[in-house]
N, C-alpha and C. Protein backbone atom coordinates (compact mmCIF):
# COMPACT_ATOMS: atom_id res chain seq x y z
N UNK A 1 5.03 8.08 -6.61
CA UNK A 1 5.10 6.63 -6.37
C UNK A 1 5.99 5.98 -7.29
N UNK A 2 6.65 4.63 -7.20
CA UNK A 2 7.62 4.39 -7.55
C UNK A 2 6.55 3.27 -8.13
N UNK A 3 7.41 3.14 -9.77
CA UNK A 3 6.81 1.39 -10.48
C UNK A 3 7.32 0.46 -9.83
N UNK A 4 5.72 -0.57 -9.82
CA UNK A 4 6.12 -1.76 -9.67
C UNK A 4 5.79 -2.46 -10.66
N UNK A 5 7.02 -3.57 -10.87
CA UNK A 5 7.84 -4.25 -12.11
C UNK A 5 7.73 -5.65 -11.40
N UNK A 6 7.94 -6.64 -12.54
CA UNK A 6 8.34 -7.87 -12.61
C UNK A 6 7.18 -8.94 -12.44
N UNK A 7 7.99 -10.07 -11.86
CA UNK A 7 7.19 -11.07 -12.18
C UNK A 7 6.05 -10.97 -11.38
N UNK A 8 4.60 -11.82 -11.74
CA UNK A 8 3.10 -11.48 -10.76
C UNK A 8 3.22 -12.51 -9.26
N UNK A 9 4.62 -12.89 -9.11
CA UNK A 9 4.34 -13.20 -7.77
C UNK A 9 5.40 -12.25 -6.72
N UNK A 10 5.87 -11.36 -7.49
CA UNK A 10 6.87 -10.38 -6.81
C UNK A 10 6.13 -9.54 -5.81
N UNK A 11 6.86 -9.68 -4.22
CA UNK A 11 6.11 -8.72 -3.26
C UNK A 11 6.26 -7.46 -3.63
N UNK A 12 4.89 -6.81 -2.91
CA UNK A 12 5.50 -5.35 -3.02
C UNK A 12 4.86 -4.02 -1.64
N UNK A 13 4.78 -3.19 -1.25
CA UNK A 13 4.82 -2.52 -0.36
C UNK A 13 3.93 -1.44 -0.80
N UNK A 14 2.93 -1.23 0.01
CA UNK A 14 1.64 -0.07 -0.73
C UNK A 14 1.41 0.74 0.32
N UNK A 15 1.51 2.02 -0.09
CA UNK A 15 0.24 2.94 1.13
C UNK A 15 -0.80 3.30 0.31
N UNK A 16 -2.34 3.33 0.84
CA UNK A 16 -3.45 3.87 0.52
C UNK A 16 -3.74 5.12 1.25
N UNK A 17 -4.43 5.81 0.32
CA UNK A 17 -5.12 7.07 0.95
C UNK A 17 -6.52 7.08 1.19
N UNK A 18 -7.16 7.00 2.26
CA UNK A 18 -8.74 6.35 2.49
C UNK A 18 -9.33 7.46 2.83
N UNK A 19 -10.69 7.59 1.97
CA UNK A 19 -11.99 8.66 2.23
C UNK A 19 -11.40 9.90 2.85
N UNK A 20 -11.15 9.14 4.50
CA UNK A 20 -11.34 10.23 5.80
C UNK A 20 -9.94 10.72 5.95
N UNK A 21 -8.75 10.65 4.66
CA UNK A 21 -7.64 11.45 4.70
C UNK A 21 -6.80 10.42 5.09
N UNK A 22 -6.97 9.32 6.03
CA UNK A 22 -5.85 8.30 6.34
C UNK A 22 -4.97 7.25 5.56
N UNK A 23 -3.99 7.01 6.11
CA UNK A 23 -3.23 6.25 5.34
C UNK A 23 -2.79 4.66 5.90
N UNK A 24 -3.30 3.92 4.52
CA UNK A 24 -3.01 2.49 5.48
C UNK A 24 -1.85 2.16 4.74
N UNK A 25 -1.52 1.12 5.00
CA UNK A 25 -0.09 0.22 4.40
C UNK A 25 0.09 -1.07 4.27
N UNK A 26 0.46 -1.70 3.74
CA UNK A 26 0.07 -3.52 3.18
C UNK A 26 0.99 -3.50 2.98
N UNK A 27 1.32 -5.74 2.56
CA UNK A 27 2.03 -6.22 1.26
C UNK A 27 1.37 -6.98 0.48
N UNK A 28 1.14 -7.23 -0.51
CA UNK A 28 0.52 -8.04 -1.29
C UNK A 28 1.84 -8.21 -2.67
N UNK A 29 1.28 -9.52 -3.51
CA UNK A 29 1.99 -9.95 -4.43
C UNK A 29 1.05 -9.78 -5.70
N UNK A 30 0.12 -9.24 -5.38
CA UNK A 30 -0.91 -8.39 -7.16
C UNK A 30 -1.76 -7.38 -6.23
N UNK A 31 -1.00 -5.92 -6.86
CA UNK A 31 -1.10 -4.97 -6.29
C UNK A 31 -2.44 -4.09 -7.01
N UNK A 32 -3.28 -4.89 -7.91
CA UNK A 32 -4.00 -4.06 -8.53
C UNK A 32 -5.24 -5.06 -7.88
N UNK A 33 -5.07 -6.35 -8.04
CA UNK A 33 -6.40 -7.10 -7.10
C UNK A 33 -6.67 -6.68 -5.86
N UNK A 34 -5.43 -5.95 -4.92
CA UNK A 34 -5.35 -5.85 -3.49
C UNK A 34 -6.39 -4.79 -3.41
N UNK A 35 -5.71 -3.49 -4.21
CA UNK A 35 -6.62 -2.28 -4.20
C UNK A 35 -7.99 -2.39 -4.64
N UNK A 36 -8.50 -3.16 -5.44
CA UNK A 36 -9.96 -3.70 -5.99
C UNK A 36 -10.35 -3.87 -4.60
N UNK A 37 -9.60 -4.96 -4.24
CA UNK A 37 -10.25 -5.86 -2.55
C UNK A 37 -10.43 -4.66 -1.32
N UNK A 38 -9.63 -3.91 -1.35
CA UNK A 38 -9.68 -2.86 -0.04
C UNK A 38 -10.62 -1.74 -0.87
N UNK A 39 -11.34 -1.85 -1.75
CA UNK A 39 -12.47 -0.79 -2.60
C UNK A 39 -13.89 -1.70 -2.17
N UNK A 40 -13.59 -3.13 -2.05
CA UNK A 40 -14.77 -3.55 -1.81
C UNK A 40 -15.09 -4.72 -3.30
N UNK A 41 -14.22 -5.13 -3.63
CA UNK A 41 -14.37 -6.44 -4.67
C UNK A 41 -14.10 -7.34 -4.07
N UNK A 42 -15.29 -8.30 -3.77
CA UNK A 42 -14.44 -9.72 -3.54
C UNK A 42 -15.28 -9.46 -2.07
N UNK A 43 -15.02 -8.46 -1.41
CA UNK A 43 -15.07 -8.18 0.10
C UNK A 43 -14.06 -8.73 1.05
N UNK A 44 -12.86 -8.60 0.53
CA UNK A 44 -11.80 -9.19 1.15
C UNK A 44 -10.91 -8.12 1.65
N UNK A 45 -11.02 -6.84 1.66
CA UNK A 45 -10.37 -5.88 1.75
C UNK A 45 -10.20 -5.81 3.64
N UNK A 46 -9.43 -5.36 3.70
CA UNK A 46 -8.95 -5.05 5.31
C UNK A 46 -10.13 -4.47 6.17
N UNK A 47 -10.37 -4.68 7.68
CA UNK A 47 -11.16 -4.19 7.85
C UNK A 47 -10.95 -2.61 8.76
N UNK A 48 -10.08 -2.08 8.52
CA UNK A 48 -9.46 -0.78 8.67
C UNK A 48 -10.04 -0.18 7.44
N UNK A 49 -10.16 -0.37 6.64
CA UNK A 49 -10.39 -0.18 5.27
C UNK A 49 -11.64 0.03 4.85
N UNK A 50 -12.42 -1.28 5.40
CA UNK A 50 -13.76 -1.31 4.71
C UNK A 50 -14.76 0.15 4.82
N UNK A 51 -14.37 0.41 6.32
CA UNK A 51 -15.44 1.88 6.53
C UNK A 51 -14.60 2.33 5.89
N UNK A 52 -13.77 2.89 5.51
CA UNK A 52 -12.96 4.49 5.01
C UNK A 52 -13.11 4.16 3.29
N UNK A 53 -13.76 3.81 2.85
CA UNK A 53 -13.98 3.40 1.25
C UNK A 53 -14.33 5.06 0.84
N UNK A 54 -13.95 5.92 -0.75
CA UNK A 54 -12.67 4.44 -1.65
C UNK A 54 -11.59 4.58 -0.81
N UNK A 55 -10.78 3.80 -1.22
CA UNK A 55 -9.09 4.12 -1.34
C UNK A 55 -8.24 4.53 -2.60
N UNK A 56 -7.24 4.83 -2.22
CA UNK A 56 -6.78 5.52 -3.75
C UNK A 56 -5.28 4.76 -3.33
N UNK A 57 -4.18 4.40 -4.39
CA UNK A 57 -2.94 3.94 -4.45
C UNK A 57 -2.21 5.46 -4.17
N UNK A 58 -1.16 5.76 -3.28
CA UNK A 58 -0.68 6.85 -3.22
C UNK A 58 0.88 6.63 -3.45
N UNK A 59 1.33 5.03 -3.14
CA UNK A 59 2.59 4.57 -3.25
C UNK A 59 2.44 3.17 -3.06
N UNK A 60 3.87 2.46 -3.97
CA UNK A 60 4.13 1.47 -3.82
C UNK A 60 5.66 0.88 -4.45
N UNK A 61 5.79 -0.01 -3.64
CA UNK A 61 7.30 0.01 -3.91
C UNK A 61 7.92 -1.69 -4.04
N UNK A 62 8.63 -1.83 -5.08
CA UNK A 62 9.07 -3.58 -4.98
C UNK A 62 9.98 -4.24 -4.13
N UNK A 63 9.68 -5.15 -3.22
CA UNK A 63 10.77 -6.02 -2.51
C UNK A 63 11.10 -7.39 -3.32
N UNK A 64 12.31 -7.75 -2.95
CA UNK A 64 12.67 -9.05 -3.13
C UNK A 64 11.54 -10.29 -2.94
N UNK A 65 11.20 -10.34 -1.46
CA UNK A 65 10.55 -11.58 -1.20
C UNK A 65 9.92 -11.32 -0.08
N UNK A 66 9.18 -11.28 0.43
CA UNK A 66 7.83 -11.41 1.61
C UNK A 66 8.61 -11.18 2.78
N UNK A 67 9.64 -11.49 3.22
CA UNK A 67 10.67 -10.87 4.37
C UNK A 67 10.90 -9.68 4.54
N UNK A 68 11.31 -9.01 3.12
CA UNK A 68 11.83 -7.78 3.06
C UNK A 68 10.54 -7.26 3.05
N UNK A 69 9.46 -7.32 2.46
CA UNK A 69 8.43 -6.84 2.00
C UNK A 69 8.00 -6.50 3.53
N UNK A 70 7.85 -7.30 4.60
CA UNK A 70 7.60 -7.02 5.67
C UNK A 70 8.08 -6.03 6.41
N UNK A 71 9.48 -6.37 6.43
CA UNK A 71 10.35 -5.47 7.27
C UNK A 71 10.43 -3.98 6.46
N UNK A 72 9.87 -3.95 5.10
CA UNK A 72 10.15 -2.36 5.02
C UNK A 72 8.19 -1.87 4.77
N UNK A 73 7.31 -3.01 5.36
CA UNK A 73 5.95 -1.88 5.85
C UNK A 73 5.81 -1.92 7.31
N UNK A 74 6.63 -2.50 8.11
CA UNK A 74 6.96 -2.41 9.65
C UNK A 74 7.53 -0.78 9.70
N UNK A 75 8.84 -0.67 8.69
CA UNK A 75 9.22 0.47 8.57
C UNK A 75 8.39 1.81 8.36
N UNK A 76 7.43 1.75 7.36
CA UNK A 76 6.99 2.66 6.77
C UNK A 76 5.69 3.08 8.29
N UNK A 77 4.97 1.92 8.45
CA UNK A 77 4.55 2.30 9.73
C UNK A 77 4.48 2.67 11.01
N UNK A 78 5.83 2.72 10.90
CA UNK A 78 6.73 3.91 12.04
C UNK A 78 6.96 5.25 12.38
N UNK A 79 7.02 5.23 10.98
CA UNK A 79 7.47 6.68 10.40
C UNK A 79 5.89 7.29 10.61
N UNK A 80 5.95 9.08 11.15
CA UNK A 80 4.99 9.92 11.66
C UNK A 80 4.31 10.15 10.39
N UNK A 81 3.14 10.61 10.38
CA UNK A 81 2.34 11.23 8.95
C UNK A 81 3.05 11.93 8.15
N UNK A 82 3.61 13.10 8.63
CA UNK A 82 4.56 13.94 7.69
C UNK A 82 5.51 12.80 7.28
N UNK A 83 6.65 11.70 7.72
CA UNK A 83 7.29 11.41 6.90
C UNK A 83 6.29 10.08 5.81
N UNK A 84 5.62 9.59 6.25
CA UNK A 84 4.61 8.63 5.17
C UNK A 84 4.30 9.61 4.24
N UNK A 85 3.63 11.07 3.99
CA UNK A 85 3.53 11.83 3.39
C UNK A 85 4.67 12.20 2.00
N UNK A 86 5.38 12.37 2.76
CA UNK A 86 6.70 13.03 2.01
C UNK A 86 7.26 11.40 1.50
N UNK A 87 7.29 10.29 1.81
CA UNK A 87 7.74 9.06 0.97
C UNK A 87 6.33 8.99 -0.15
N UNK A 88 5.45 9.39 -0.03
CA UNK A 88 4.44 9.17 -1.49
C UNK A 88 4.44 10.79 -2.17
N UNK A 89 5.18 11.38 -1.68
CA UNK A 89 5.03 12.78 -2.35
C UNK A 89 5.69 12.53 -3.62
N UNK A 90 5.40 13.24 -5.04
CA UNK A 90 6.04 13.12 -6.22
C UNK A 90 7.34 13.74 -6.12
N UNK A 91 8.50 12.96 -6.39
CA UNK A 91 9.73 13.37 -6.77
C UNK A 91 9.77 14.53 -7.90
N UNK A 92 10.76 15.15 -7.84
CA UNK A 92 11.18 16.51 -8.78
C UNK A 92 11.83 16.20 -9.23
């Protein structure tokens, strides 16, 4: 997983592993808050993850702006499961 650093308003793309083993991809400006929401804090998690809790962060990468984050999210969502798993596998 790539480290996400920078200003609080920096965009990032993230991938979660759900309790059923499925993968969820999204974008946010506050990764810790968003993962907590997906796990039930504040009731603002995505509909997909609500019935698949708990979720675990498996991948995150920084993006320069919302447009770049959205493009990268779309590209990741086009990958097959093997491609997504390769993306979040630890690099050696």
